[in-house]
Amino acid sequence: RASTTEMAGTTEHSHVTSVPTATVAPSV
């Protein structure tokens, strides 16, 4: 319905606190 539109930039960030942080492999 429309042509491509781009908006780009960069920013520094820190992750959310007080959340789970460990990522483990899928356990199939």
mmCIF file of all heavy atoms, coordinates in Angstrom:
data_MODEL
# 
_entry.id   MODEL 
# 
loop_
_atom_site.group_PDB 
_atom_site.id 
_atom_site.type_symbol 
_atom_site.label_atom_id 
_atom_site.label_alt_id 
_atom_site.label_comp_id 
_atom_site.label_asym_id 
_atom_site.label_entity_id 
_atom_site.label_seq_id 
_atom_site.pdbx_PDB_ins_code 
_atom_site.Cartn_x 
_atom_site.Cartn_y 
_atom_site.Cartn_z 
_atom_site.occupancy 
_atom_site.B_iso_or_equiv 
_atom_site.pdbx_formal_charge 
_atom_site.auth_seq_id 
_atom_site.auth_comp_id 
_atom_site.auth_asym_id 
_atom_site.auth_atom_id 
_atom_site.pdbx_PDB_model_num 
ATOM 1   N N   . ARG A 1 1  ? 0.813  -1.212  0.000  1.00 0.00 ? 1  ARG A N   1 
ATOM 2   C CA  . ARG A 1 1  ? 0.000  0.000   0.000  1.00 0.00 ? 1  ARG A CA  1 
ATOM 3   C C   . ARG A 1 1  ? 0.846  1.262   0.000  1.00 0.00 ? 1  ARG A C   1 
ATOM 4   O O   . ARG A 1 1  ? 0.342  2.343   -0.191 1.00 0.00 ? 1  ARG A O   1 
ATOM 5   C CB  . ARG A 1 1  ? -0.898 0.008   1.245  1.00 0.00 ? 1  ARG A CB  1 
ATOM 6   C CG  . ARG A 1 1  ? -1.901 -1.134  1.254  1.00 0.00 ? 1  ARG A CG  1 
ATOM 7   C CD  . ARG A 1 1  ? -2.671 -1.180  2.538  1.00 0.00 ? 1  ARG A CD  1 
ATOM 8   N NE  . ARG A 1 1  ? -3.674 -2.228  2.521  1.00 0.00 ? 1  ARG A NE  1 
ATOM 9   C CZ  . ARG A 1 1  ? -4.910 -2.083  2.097  1.00 0.00 ? 1  ARG A CZ  1 
ATOM 10  N NH1 . ARG A 1 1  ? -5.319 -0.933  1.655  1.00 0.00 ? 1  ARG A NH1 1 
ATOM 11  N NH2 . ARG A 1 1  ? -5.745 -3.084  2.113  1.00 0.00 ? 1  ARG A NH2 1 
ATOM 12  N N   . ALA A 1 2  ? 2.100  1.158   0.341  1.00 0.00 ? 2  ALA A N   1 
ATOM 13  C CA  . ALA A 1 2  ? 2.929  2.346   0.428  1.00 0.00 ? 2  ALA A CA  1 
ATOM 14  C C   . ALA A 1 2  ? 4.352  1.981   0.087  1.00 0.00 ? 2  ALA A C   1 
ATOM 15  O O   . ALA A 1 2  ? 4.759  0.837   0.121  1.00 0.00 ? 2  ALA A O   1 
ATOM 16  C CB  . ALA A 1 2  ? 2.870  2.943   1.839  1.00 0.00 ? 2  ALA A CB  1 
ATOM 17  N N   . SER A 1 3  ? 5.164  2.989   -0.233 1.00 0.00 ? 3  SER A N   1 
ATOM 18  C CA  . SER A 1 3  ? 6.559  2.742   -0.540 1.00 0.00 ? 3  SER A CA  1 
ATOM 19  C C   . SER A 1 3  ? 7.389  2.703   0.733  1.00 0.00 ? 3  SER A C   1 
ATOM 20  O O   . SER A 1 3  ? 6.946  3.069   1.804  1.00 0.00 ? 3  SER A O   1 
ATOM 21  C CB  . SER A 1 3  ? 7.081  3.857   -1.456 1.00 0.00 ? 3  SER A CB  1 
ATOM 22  O OG  . SER A 1 3  ? 6.932  5.106   -0.813 1.00 0.00 ? 3  SER A OG  1 
ATOM 23  N N   . THR A 1 4  ? 8.643  2.272   0.597  1.00 0.00 ? 4  THR A N   1 
ATOM 24  C CA  . THR A 1 4  ? 9.513  2.107   1.754  1.00 0.00 ? 4  THR A CA  1 
ATOM 25  C C   . THR A 1 4  ? 9.846  3.437   2.400  1.00 0.00 ? 4  THR A C   1 
ATOM 26  O O   . THR A 1 4  ? 10.124 4.427   1.740  1.00 0.00 ? 4  THR A O   1 
ATOM 27  C CB  . THR A 1 4  ? 10.822 1.421   1.313  1.00 0.00 ? 4  THR A CB  1 
ATOM 28  O OG1 . THR A 1 4  ? 10.492 0.168   0.735  1.00 0.00 ? 4  THR A OG1 1 
ATOM 29  C CG2 . THR A 1 4  ? 11.759 1.222   2.483  1.00 0.00 ? 4  THR A CG2 1 
ATOM 30  N N   . THR A 1 5  ? 9.817  3.452   3.739  1.00 0.00 ? 5  THR A N   1 
ATOM 31  C CA  . THR A 1 5  ? 10.201 4.617   4.523  1.00 0.00 ? 5  THR A CA  1 
ATOM 32  C C   . THR A 1 5  ? 11.230 4.176   5.528  1.00 0.00 ? 5  THR A C   1 
ATOM 33  O O   . THR A 1 5  ? 11.105 3.139   6.143  1.00 0.00 ? 5  THR A O   1 
ATOM 34  C CB  . THR A 1 5  ? 8.994  5.199   5.268  1.00 0.00 ? 5  THR A CB  1 
ATOM 35  O OG1 . THR A 1 5  ? 7.987  5.525   4.310  1.00 0.00 ? 5  THR A OG1 1 
ATOM 36  C CG2 . THR A 1 5  ? 9.376  6.459   6.041  1.00 0.00 ? 5  THR A CG2 1 
ATOM 37  N N   . GLU A 1 6  ? 12.305 4.963   5.726  1.00 0.00 ? 6  GLU A N   1 
ATOM 38  C CA  . GLU A 1 6  ? 13.325 4.610   6.683  1.00 0.00 ? 6  GLU A CA  1 
ATOM 39  C C   . GLU A 1 6  ? 13.527 5.737   7.678  1.00 0.00 ? 6  GLU A C   1 
ATOM 40  O O   . GLU A 1 6  ? 13.503 6.918   7.337  1.00 0.00 ? 6  GLU A O   1 
ATOM 41  C CB  . GLU A 1 6  ? 14.656 4.322   5.990  1.00 0.00 ? 6  GLU A CB  1 
ATOM 42  C CG  . GLU A 1 6  ? 14.623 3.126   5.067  1.00 0.00 ? 6  GLU A CG  1 
ATOM 43  C CD  . GLU A 1 6  ? 16.002 2.791   4.541  1.00 0.00 ? 6  GLU A CD  1 
ATOM 44  O OE1 . GLU A 1 6  ? 16.994 3.071   5.225  1.00 0.00 ? 6  GLU A OE1 1 
ATOM 45  O OE2 . GLU A 1 6  ? 16.070 2.261   3.427  1.00 0.00 ? 6  GLU A OE2 1 
ATOM 46  N N   . MET A 1 7  ? 13.723 5.346   8.938  1.00 0.00 ? 7  MET A N   1 
ATOM 47  C CA  . MET A 1 7  ? 14.066 6.278   9.997  1.00 0.00 ? 7  MET A CA  1 
ATOM 48  C C   . MET A 1 7  ? 15.179 5.616   10.773 1.00 0.00 ? 7  MET A C   1 
ATOM 49  O O   . MET A 1 7  ? 15.021 4.512   11.279 1.00 0.00 ? 7  MET A O   1 
ATOM 50  C CB  . MET A 1 7  ? 12.880 6.553   10.918 1.00 0.00 ? 7  MET A CB  1 
ATOM 51  C CG  . MET A 1 7  ? 11.689 7.149   10.226 1.00 0.00 ? 7  MET A CG  1 
ATOM 52  S SD  . MET A 1 7  ? 10.294 7.312   11.336 1.00 0.00 ? 7  MET A SD  1 
ATOM 53  C CE  . MET A 1 7  ? 10.967 8.454   12.550 1.00 0.00 ? 7  MET A CE  1 
ATOM 54  N N   . ALA A 1 8  ? 16.330 6.242   10.889 1.00 0.00 ? 8  ALA A N   1 
ATOM 55  C CA  . ALA A 1 8  ? 17.446 5.576   11.543 1.00 0.00 ? 8  ALA A CA  1 
ATOM 56  C C   . ALA A 1 8  ? 18.185 6.526   12.457 1.00 0.00 ? 8  ALA A C   1 
ATOM 57  O O   . ALA A 1 8  ? 18.264 7.722   12.232 1.00 0.00 ? 8  ALA A O   1 
ATOM 58  C CB  . ALA A 1 8  ? 18.411 5.017   10.495 1.00 0.00 ? 8  ALA A CB  1 
ATOM 59  N N   . GLY A 1 9  ? 18.763 5.952   13.500 1.00 0.00 ? 9  GLY A N   1 
ATOM 60  C CA  . GLY A 1 9  ? 19.587 6.698   14.435 1.00 0.00 ? 9  GLY A CA  1 
ATOM 61  C C   . GLY A 1 9  ? 20.161 5.722   15.424 1.00 0.00 ? 9  GLY A C   1 
ATOM 62  O O   . GLY A 1 9  ? 19.913 4.533   15.364 1.00 0.00 ? 9  GLY A O   1 
ATOM 63  N N   . THR A 1 10 ? 20.956 6.195   16.352 1.00 0.00 ? 10 THR A N   1 
ATOM 64  C CA  . THR A 1 10 ? 21.515 5.318   17.360 1.00 0.00 ? 10 THR A CA  1 
ATOM 65  C C   . THR A 1 10 ? 21.387 5.961   18.709 1.00 0.00 ? 10 THR A C   1 
ATOM 66  O O   . THR A 1 10 ? 21.273 7.179   18.835 1.00 0.00 ? 10 THR A O   1 
ATOM 67  C CB  . THR A 1 10 ? 23.007 5.046   17.095 1.00 0.00 ? 10 THR A CB  1 
ATOM 68  O OG1 . THR A 1 10 ? 23.709 6.293   17.096 1.00 0.00 ? 10 THR A OG1 1 
ATOM 69  C CG2 . THR A 1 10 ? 23.219 4.352   15.757 1.00 0.00 ? 10 THR A CG2 1 
ATOM 70  N N   . THR A 1 11 ? 21.402 5.113   19.736 1.00 0.00 ? 11 THR A N   1 
ATOM 71  C CA  . THR A 1 11 ? 21.336 5.635   21.091 1.00 0.00 ? 11 THR A CA  1 
ATOM 72  C C   . THR A 1 11 ? 21.962 4.635   22.031 1.00 0.00 ? 11 THR A C   1 
ATOM 73  O O   . THR A 1 11 ? 21.938 3.431   21.786 1.00 0.00 ? 11 THR A O   1 
ATOM 74  C CB  . THR A 1 11 ? 19.875 5.905   21.525 1.00 0.00 ? 11 THR A CB  1 
ATOM 75  O OG1 . THR A 1 11 ? 19.880 6.464   22.828 1.00 0.00 ? 11 THR A OG1 1 
ATOM 76  C CG2 . THR A 1 11 ? 19.056 4.629   21.542 1.00 0.00 ? 11 THR A CG2 1 
ATOM 77  N N   . GLU A 1 12 ? 22.562 5.113   23.111 1.00 0.00 ? 12 GLU A N   1 
ATOM 78  C CA  . GLU A 1 12 ? 23.058 4.230   24.146 1.00 0.00 ? 12 GLU A CA  1 
ATOM 79  C C   . GLU A 1 12 ? 21.899 3.857   25.060 1.00 0.00 ? 12 GLU A C   1 
ATOM 80  O O   . GLU A 1 12 ? 20.958 4.618   25.249 1.00 0.00 ? 12 GLU A O   1 
ATOM 81  C CB  . GLU A 1 12 ? 24.152 4.939   24.965 1.00 0.00 ? 12 GLU A CB  1 
ATOM 82  C CG  . GLU A 1 12 ? 25.403 5.243   24.153 1.00 0.00 ? 12 GLU A CG  1 
ATOM 83  C CD  . GLU A 1 12 ? 26.097 3.971   23.672 1.00 0.00 ? 12 GLU A CD  1 
ATOM 84  O OE1 . GLU A 1 12 ? 26.100 2.983   24.433 1.00 0.00 ? 12 GLU A OE1 1 
ATOM 85  O OE2 . GLU A 1 12 ? 26.629 3.987   22.560 1.00 0.00 ? 12 GLU A OE2 1 
ATOM 86  N N   . HIS A 1 13 ? 21.972 2.659   25.657 1.00 0.00 ? 13 HIS A N   1 
ATOM 87  C CA  . HIS A 1 13 ? 20.884 2.266   26.529 1.00 0.00 ? 13 HIS A CA  1 
ATOM 88  C C   . HIS A 1 13 ? 21.390 1.301   27.582 1.00 0.00 ? 13 HIS A C   1 
ATOM 89  O O   . HIS A 1 13 ? 22.427 0.679   27.437 1.00 0.00 ? 13 HIS A O   1 
ATOM 90  C CB  . HIS A 1 13 ? 19.755 1.612   25.732 1.00 0.00 ? 13 HIS A CB  1 
ATOM 91  C CG  . HIS A 1 13 ? 20.152 0.328   25.074 1.00 0.00 ? 13 HIS A CG  1 
ATOM 92  N ND1 . HIS A 1 13 ? 20.716 0.296   23.815 1.00 0.00 ? 13 HIS A ND1 1 
ATOM 93  C CD2 . HIS A 1 13 ? 20.079 -0.953  25.505 1.00 0.00 ? 13 HIS A CD2 1 
ATOM 94  C CE1 . HIS A 1 13 ? 20.980 -0.959  23.487 1.00 0.00 ? 13 HIS A CE1 1 
ATOM 95  N NE2 . HIS A 1 13 ? 20.611 -1.738  24.503 1.00 0.00 ? 13 HIS A NE2 1 
ATOM 96  N N   . SER A 1 14 ? 20.650 1.180   28.657 1.00 0.00 ? 14 SER A N   1 
ATOM 97  C CA  . SER A 1 14 ? 20.908 0.164   29.675 1.00 0.00 ? 14 SER A CA  1 
ATOM 98  C C   . SER A 1 14 ? 19.693 -0.723  29.763 1.00 0.00 ? 14 SER A C   1 
ATOM 99  O O   . SER A 1 14 ? 18.578 -0.304  29.482 1.00 0.00 ? 14 SER A O   1 
ATOM 100 C CB  . SER A 1 14 ? 21.173 0.823   31.035 1.00 0.00 ? 14 SER A CB  1 
ATOM 101 O OG  . SER A 1 14 ? 20.067 1.601   31.424 1.00 0.00 ? 14 SER A OG  1 
ATOM 102 N N   . HIS A 1 15 ? 19.905 -1.983  30.167 1.00 0.00 ? 15 HIS A N   1 
ATOM 103 C CA  . HIS A 1 15 ? 18.807 -2.934  30.194 1.00 0.00 ? 15 HIS A CA  1 
ATOM 104 C C   . HIS A 1 15 ? 17.920 -2.722  31.406 1.00 0.00 ? 15 HIS A C   1 
ATOM 105 O O   . HIS A 1 15 ? 18.292 -2.134  32.400 1.00 0.00 ? 15 HIS A O   1 
ATOM 106 C CB  . HIS A 1 15 ? 19.354 -4.360  30.166 1.00 0.00 ? 15 HIS A CB  1 
ATOM 107 C CG  . HIS A 1 15 ? 19.974 -4.719  28.850 1.00 0.00 ? 15 HIS A CG  1 
ATOM 108 N ND1 . HIS A 1 15 ? 19.295 -4.613  27.664 1.00 0.00 ? 15 HIS A ND1 1 
ATOM 109 C CD2 . HIS A 1 15 ? 21.219 -5.145  28.528 1.00 0.00 ? 15 HIS A CD2 1 
ATOM 110 C CE1 . HIS A 1 15 ? 20.063 -4.979  26.675 1.00 0.00 ? 15 HIS A CE1 1 
ATOM 111 N NE2 . HIS A 1 15 ? 21.243 -5.305  27.163 1.00 0.00 ? 15 HIS A NE2 1 
ATOM 112 N N   . VAL A 1 16 ? 16.715 -3.257  31.315 1.00 0.00 ? 16 VAL A N   1 
ATOM 113 C CA  . VAL A 1 16 ? 15.752 -3.180  32.400 1.00 0.00 ? 16 VAL A CA  1 
ATOM 114 C C   . VAL A 1 16 ? 16.318 -3.883  33.629 1.00 0.00 ? 16 VAL A C   1 
ATOM 115 O O   . VAL A 1 16 ? 16.982 -4.908  33.525 1.00 0.00 ? 16 VAL A O   1 
ATOM 116 C CB  . VAL A 1 16 ? 14.431 -3.843  31.982 1.00 0.00 ? 16 VAL A CB  1 
ATOM 117 C CG1 . VAL A 1 16 ? 13.421 -3.778  33.108 1.00 0.00 ? 16 VAL A CG1 1 
ATOM 118 C CG2 . VAL A 1 16 ? 13.883 -3.168  30.737 1.00 0.00 ? 16 VAL A CG2 1 
ATOM 119 N N   . THR A 1 17 ? 16.058 -3.344  34.807 1.00 0.00 ? 17 THR A N   1 
ATOM 120 C CA  . THR A 1 17 ? 16.544 -3.942  36.034 1.00 0.00 ? 17 THR A CA  1 
ATOM 121 C C   . THR A 1 17 ? 15.469 -4.802  36.678 1.00 0.00 ? 17 THR A C   1 
ATOM 122 O O   . THR A 1 17 ? 14.302 -4.764  36.311 1.00 0.00 ? 17 THR A O   1 
ATOM 123 C CB  . THR A 1 17 ? 16.965 -2.846  37.034 1.00 0.00 ? 17 THR A CB  1 
ATOM 124 O OG1 . THR A 1 17 ? 15.846 -1.993  37.278 1.00 0.00 ? 17 THR A OG1 1 
ATOM 125 C CG2 . THR A 1 17 ? 18.118 -2.033  36.481 1.00 0.00 ? 17 THR A CG2 1 
ATOM 126 N N   . SER A 1 18 ? 15.879 -5.591  37.645 1.00 0.00 ? 18 SER A N   1 
ATOM 127 C CA  . SER A 1 18 ? 14.966 -6.427  38.448 1.00 0.00 ? 18 SER A CA  1 
ATOM 128 C C   . SER A 1 18 ? 14.168 -7.402  37.596 1.00 0.00 ? 18 SER A C   1 
ATOM 129 O O   . SER A 1 18 ? 12.966 -7.563  37.752 1.00 0.00 ? 18 SER A O   1 
ATOM 130 C CB  . SER A 1 18 ? 14.010 -5.545  39.254 1.00 0.00 ? 18 SER A CB  1 
ATOM 131 O OG  . SER A 1 18 ? 14.731 -4.707  40.112 1.00 0.00 ? 18 SER A OG  1 
ATOM 132 N N   . VAL A 1 19 ? 14.871 -8.044  36.633 1.00 0.00 ? 19 VAL A N   1 
ATOM 133 C CA  . VAL A 1 19 ? 14.228 -9.050  35.796 1.00 0.00 ? 19 VAL A CA  1 
ATOM 134 C C   . VAL A 1 19 ? 15.160 -10.247 35.679 1.00 0.00 ? 19 VAL A C   1 
ATOM 135 O O   . VAL A 1 19 ? 16.339 -10.161 36.000 1.00 0.00 ? 19 VAL A O   1 
ATOM 136 C CB  . VAL A 1 19 ? 13.936 -8.500  34.384 1.00 0.00 ? 19 VAL A CB  1 
ATOM 137 C CG1 . VAL A 1 19 ? 12.935 -7.385  34.439 1.00 0.00 ? 19 VAL A CG1 1 
ATOM 138 C CG2 . VAL A 1 19 ? 15.212 -8.026  33.710 1.00 0.00 ? 19 VAL A CG2 1 
ATOM 139 N N   . PRO A 1 20 ? 14.654 -11.391 35.222 1.00 0.00 ? 20 PRO A N   1 
ATOM 140 C CA  . PRO A 1 20 ? 15.542 -12.528 34.996 1.00 0.00 ? 20 PRO A CA  1 
ATOM 141 C C   . PRO A 1 20 ? 16.633 -12.163 34.002 1.00 0.00 ? 20 PRO A C   1 
ATOM 142 O O   . PRO A 1 20 ? 16.394 -11.450 33.027 1.00 0.00 ? 20 PRO A O   1 
ATOM 143 C CB  . PRO A 1 20 ? 14.608 -13.600 34.421 1.00 0.00 ? 20 PRO A CB  1 
ATOM 144 C CG  . PRO A 1 20 ? 13.244 -13.201 34.866 1.00 0.00 ? 20 PRO A CG  1 
ATOM 145 C CD  . PRO A 1 20 ? 13.252 -11.709 34.931 1.00 0.00 ? 20 PRO A CD  1 
ATOM 146 N N   . THR A 1 21 ? 17.849 -12.618 34.209 1.00 0.00 ? 21 THR A N   1 
ATOM 147 C CA  . THR A 1 21 ? 18.957 -12.282 33.319 1.00 0.00 ? 21 THR A CA  1 
ATOM 148 C C   . THR A 1 21 ? 19.612 -13.494 32.685 1.00 0.00 ? 21 THR A C   1 
ATOM 149 O O   . THR A 1 21 ? 20.313 -13.371 31.700 1.00 0.00 ? 21 THR A O   1 
ATOM 150 C CB  . THR A 1 21 ? 20.030 -11.493 34.083 1.00 0.00 ? 21 THR A CB  1 
ATOM 151 O OG1 . THR A 1 21 ? 20.460 -12.253 35.212 1.00 0.00 ? 21 THR A OG1 1 
ATOM 152 C CG2 . THR A 1 21 ? 19.491 -10.159 34.552 1.00 0.00 ? 21 THR A CG2 1 
ATOM 153 N N   . ALA A 1 22 ? 19.403 -14.692 33.248 1.00 0.00 ? 22 ALA A N   1 
ATOM 154 C CA  . ALA A 1 22 ? 20.055 -15.890 32.719 1.00 0.00 ? 22 ALA A CA  1 
ATOM 155 C C   . ALA A 1 22 ? 19.281 -16.430 31.530 1.00 0.00 ? 22 ALA A C   1 
ATOM 156 O O   . ALA A 1 22 ? 18.073 -16.598 31.594 1.00 0.00 ? 22 ALA A O   1 
ATOM 157 C CB  . ALA A 1 22 ? 20.157 -16.961 33.798 1.00 0.00 ? 22 ALA A CB  1 
ATOM 158 N N   . THR A 1 23 ? 19.990 -16.675 30.438 1.00 0.00 ? 23 THR A N   1 
ATOM 159 C CA  . THR A 1 23 ? 19.381 -17.293 29.277 1.00 0.00 ? 23 THR A CA  1 
ATOM 160 C C   . THR A 1 23 ? 20.038 -18.652 29.060 1.00 0.00 ? 23 THR A C   1 
ATOM 161 O O   . THR A 1 23 ? 21.246 -18.735 28.905 1.00 0.00 ? 23 THR A O   1 
ATOM 162 C CB  . THR A 1 23 ? 19.560 -16.419 28.025 1.00 0.00 ? 23 THR A CB  1 
ATOM 163 O OG1 . THR A 1 23 ? 18.959 -15.154 28.263 1.00 0.00 ? 23 THR A OG1 1 
ATOM 164 C CG2 . THR A 1 23 ? 18.926 -17.064 26.813 1.00 0.00 ? 23 THR A CG2 1 
ATOM 165 N N   . VAL A 1 24 ? 19.260 -19.714 29.057 1.00 0.00 ? 24 VAL A N   1 
ATOM 166 C CA  . VAL A 1 24 ? 19.802 -21.050 28.880 1.00 0.00 ? 24 VAL A CA  1 
ATOM 167 C C   . VAL A 1 24 ? 19.312 -21.621 27.567 1.00 0.00 ? 24 VAL A C   1 
ATOM 168 O O   . VAL A 1 24 ? 18.353 -21.133 26.978 1.00 0.00 ? 24 VAL A O   1 
ATOM 169 C CB  . VAL A 1 24 ? 19.399 -21.981 30.044 1.00 0.00 ? 24 VAL A CB  1 
ATOM 170 C CG1 . VAL A 1 24 ? 19.923 -21.458 31.346 1.00 0.00 ? 24 VAL A CG1 1 
ATOM 171 C CG2 . VAL A 1 24 ? 17.891 -22.128 30.111 1.00 0.00 ? 24 VAL A CG2 1 
ATOM 172 N N   . ALA A 1 25 ? 19.982 -22.659 27.109 1.00 0.00 ? 25 ALA A N   1 
ATOM 173 C CA  . ALA A 1 25 ? 19.642 -23.250 25.822 1.00 0.00 ? 25 ALA A CA  1 
ATOM 174 C C   . ALA A 1 25 ? 18.277 -23.928 25.890 1.00 0.00 ? 25 ALA A C   1 
ATOM 175 O O   . ALA A 1 25 ? 17.856 -24.385 26.950 1.00 0.00 ? 25 ALA A O   1 
ATOM 176 C CB  . ALA A 1 25 ? 20.711 -24.262 25.427 1.00 0.00 ? 25 ALA A CB  1 
ATOM 177 N N   . PRO A 1 26 ? 17.572 -24.000 24.757 1.00 0.00 ? 26 PRO A N   1 
ATOM 178 C CA  . PRO A 1 26 ? 16.313 -24.732 24.734 1.00 0.00 ? 26 PRO A CA  1 
ATOM 179 C C   . PRO A 1 26 ? 16.506 -26.151 25.242 1.00 0.00 ? 26 PRO A C   1 
ATOM 180 O O   . PRO A 1 26 ? 17.532 -26.775 25.004 1.00 0.00 ? 26 PRO A O   1 
ATOM 181 C CB  . PRO A 1 26 ? 15.925 -24.712 23.244 1.00 0.00 ? 26 PRO A CB  1 
ATOM 182 C CG  . PRO A 1 26 ? 16.605 -23.498 22.701 1.00 0.00 ? 26 PRO A CG  1 
ATOM 183 C CD  . PRO A 1 26 ? 17.894 -23.382 23.464 1.00 0.00 ? 26 PRO A CD  1 
ATOM 184 N N   . SER A 1 27 ? 15.484 -26.669 25.918 1.00 0.00 ? 27 SER A N   1 
ATOM 185 C CA  . SER A 1 27 ? 15.652 -27.933 26.628 1.00 0.00 ? 27 SER A CA  1 
ATOM 186 C C   . SER A 1 27 ? 14.897 -29.071 25.972 1.00 0.00 ? 27 SER A C   1 
ATOM 187 O O   . SER A 1 27 ? 14.352 -29.929 26.640 1.00 0.00 ? 27 SER A O   1 
ATOM 188 C CB  . SER A 1 27 ? 15.177 -27.762 28.075 1.00 0.00 ? 27 SER A CB  1 
ATOM 189 O OG  . SER A 1 27 ? 13.851 -27.292 28.099 1.00 0.00 ? 27 SER A OG  1 
ATOM 190 N N   . VAL A 1 28 ? 14.855 -29.108 24.642 1.00 0.00 ? 28 VAL A N   1 
ATOM 191 C CA  . VAL A 1 28 ? 14.130 -30.183 23.962 1.00 0.00 ? 28 VAL A CA  1 
ATOM 192 C C   . VAL A 1 28 ? 14.761 -31.540 24.245 1.00 0.00 ? 28 VAL A C   1 
ATOM 193 O O   . VAL A 1 28 ? 14.164 -32.573 23.982 1.00 0.00 ? 28 VAL A O   1 
ATOM 194 C CB  . VAL A 1 28 ? 14.077 -29.934 22.440 1.00 0.00 ? 28 VAL A CB  1 
ATOM 195 C CG1 . VAL A 1 28 ? 13.224 -28.737 22.130 1.00 0.00 ? 28 VAL A CG1 1 
ATOM 196 C CG2 . VAL A 1 28 ? 15.482 -29.759 21.872 1.00 0.00 ? 28 VAL A CG2 1 
# 
